[in-house]
């Protein structure tokens, strides 16, 4: 009876061992695939971060160029405005000198010479 039991048990034991080996290989393959997925995910994340860092750097450089251009334009406009202010101040000084040089004939109001100064 033990011989019969042992003959019947051998295929079951072999099937059990094959099943255990298959389960072990499946778990090993799953861990390898999981590792490959994690590696691919990390590489994709790193590449994405590099891309966006480059985009941000490019945008910052563009913004810096625009700021520099605006600063140069503001300086140019300020220089032109200062020149116009100096010219207007100089013209005012000249008009005051011409006004002071006119005779003060004791007239009430504006005389002909002063009216000509205003026409400018």
Protein backbone atom coordinates (compact mmCIF):
# COMPACT_ATOMS: atom_id res chain seq x y z
CA UNK A 1 0.00 0.00 0.00
CA UNK A 2 2.88 2.37 0.71
CA UNK A 3 4.29 1.62 -2.67
CA UNK A 4 0.97 2.49 -4.26
CA UNK A 5 0.71 5.62 -2.16
CA UNK A 6 4.24 6.61 -3.03
CA UNK A 7 3.57 5.97 -6.77
CA UNK A 8 0.47 8.16 -6.63
CA UNK A 9 2.21 10.84 -4.55
CA UNK A 10 5.18 11.31 -6.88
CA UNK A 11 3.20 13.13 -9.62
CA UNK A 12 1.50 15.30 -7.01
CA UNK A 13 4.82 16.17 -5.42
CA UNK A 14 6.35 16.91 -8.82
CA UNK A 15 3.34 19.07 -9.78
CA UNK A 16 3.64 20.90 -6.45
CA UNK A 17 7.34 21.51 -6.98
CA UNK A 18 6.69 22.73 -10.54
CA UNK A 19 3.91 25.00 -9.27
CA UNK A 20 6.20 26.41 -6.55
CA UNK A 21 9.02 26.93 -9.07
CA UNK A 22 6.58 28.66 -11.47
CA UNK A 23 5.32 30.89 -8.67
CA UNK A 24 8.90 31.76 -7.72
CA UNK A 25 9.85 32.57 -11.31
CA UNK A 26 6.70 34.68 -11.70
CA UNK A 27 7.52 36.65 -8.56
CA UNK A 28 11.13 37.12 -9.76
CA UNK A 29 9.95 38.29 -13.20
CA UNK A 30 7.41 40.64 -11.61
CA UNK A 31 10.10 42.21 -9.43
CA UNK A 32 12.39 42.65 -12.46
CA UNK A 33 9.57 44.25 -14.50
CA UNK A 34 8.70 46.47 -11.55
CA UNK A 35 12.34 47.55 -11.31
CA UNK A 36 12.43 48.30 -15.03
CA UNK A 37 9.25 50.38 -14.73
CA UNK A 38 10.69 52.32 -11.79
CA UNK A 39 13.91 52.97 -13.73
CA UNK A 40 12.00 54.15 -16.81
CA UNK A 41 9.80 56.36 -14.65
CA UNK A 42 12.82 57.93 -12.93
CA UNK A 43 14.52 58.56 -16.28
CA UNK A 44 11.36 60.11 -17.73
CA UNK A 45 10.96 62.31 -14.65
CA UNK A 46 14.59 63.43 -14.89
CA UNK A 47 14.25 64.21 -18.60
CA UNK A 48 11.03 66.15 -17.98
CA UNK A 49 12.71 68.16 -15.21
CA UNK A 50 15.67 68.96 -17.48
CA UNK A 51 13.32 70.09 -20.24
CA UNK A 52 11.32 72.41 -17.98
CA UNK A 53 14.45 73.75 -16.30
CA UNK A 54 15.77 74.66 -19.76
CA UNK A 55 12.43 76.26 -20.67
CA UNK A 56 12.45 78.32 -17.47
CA UNK A 57 16.04 79.37 -18.09
CA UNK A 58 15.18 80.40 -21.64
CA UNK A 59 12.17 82.40 -20.42
CA UNK A 60 14.26 84.08 -17.71
CA UNK A 61 16.92 85.05 -20.25
CA UNK A 62 14.24 86.50 -22.54
CA UNK A 63 12.72 88.46 -19.64
CA UNK A 64 16.16 89.76 -18.64
CA UNK A 65 16.79 90.94 -22.22
CA UNK A 66 13.43 92.72 -22.29
CA UNK A 67 14.14 94.38 -18.93
CA UNK A 68 17.54 95.55 -20.18
CA UNK A 69 15.97 96.88 -23.39
CA UNK A 70 13.33 98.75 -21.39
CA UNK A 71 15.99 100.21 -19.11
CA UNK A 72 17.99 101.44 -22.12
CA UNK A 73 14.85 102.94 -23.65
CA UNK A 74 13.93 104.64 -20.36
CA UNK A 75 17.43 106.11 -20.14
CA UNK A 76 17.19 107.38 -23.72
CA UNK A 77 13.80 108.98 -23.05
CA UNK A 78 15.05 110.51 -19.79
CA UNK A 79 18.10 111.97 -21.55
CA UNK A 80 15.92 113.48 -24.28
CA UNK A 81 13.53 114.92 -21.68
CA UNK A 82 16.41 116.43 -19.71
CA UNK A 83 17.76 118.05 -22.88
CA UNK A 84 14.34 119.56 -23.62
CA UNK A 85 14.04 120.79 -20.03
CA UNK A 86 17.49 122.41 -20.20
CA UNK A 87 16.59 124.06 -23.51
CA UNK A 88 13.31 125.39 -22.07
CA UNK A 89 15.11 126.70 -18.97
CA UNK A 90 17.72 128.40 -21.16
CA UNK A 91 14.99 129.96 -23.29
CA UNK A 92 13.25 131.20 -20.14
CA UNK A 93 16.49 132.78 -18.90
CA UNK A 94 16.95 134.52 -22.27
CA UNK A 95 13.36 135.80 -22.24
CA UNK A 96 13.82 137.12 -18.70
CA UNK A 97 17.00 138.92 -19.79
CA UNK A 98 15.21 140.43 -22.80
CA UNK A 99 12.28 141.45 -20.62
CA UNK A 100 14.59 143.07 -18.09
CA UNK A 101 16.37 144.94 -20.89
CA UNK A 102 13.13 146.54 -22.11
CA UNK A 103 12.51 150.09 -20.87
CA UNK A 104 9.97 150.47 -18.10
CA UNK A 105 8.19 153.52 -19.37
CA UNK A 106 5.84 153.63 -16.39
CA UNK A 107 3.07 152.22 -18.54
CA UNK A 108 0.27 150.30 -17.00
CA UNK A 109 -0.03 146.87 -18.65
CA UNK A 110 1.95 145.35 -21.48
CA UNK A 111 3.70 147.47 -24.05
CA UNK A 112 4.56 146.46 -27.61
CA UNK A 113 8.04 145.05 -26.78
CA UNK A 114 6.77 142.79 -24.01
CA UNK A 115 3.90 141.52 -26.15
CA UNK A 116 6.42 140.50 -28.78
CA UNK A 117 8.27 138.45 -26.13
CA UNK A 118 5.04 136.63 -25.27
CA UNK A 119 4.37 135.69 -28.87
CA UNK A 120 7.24 133.22 -28.80
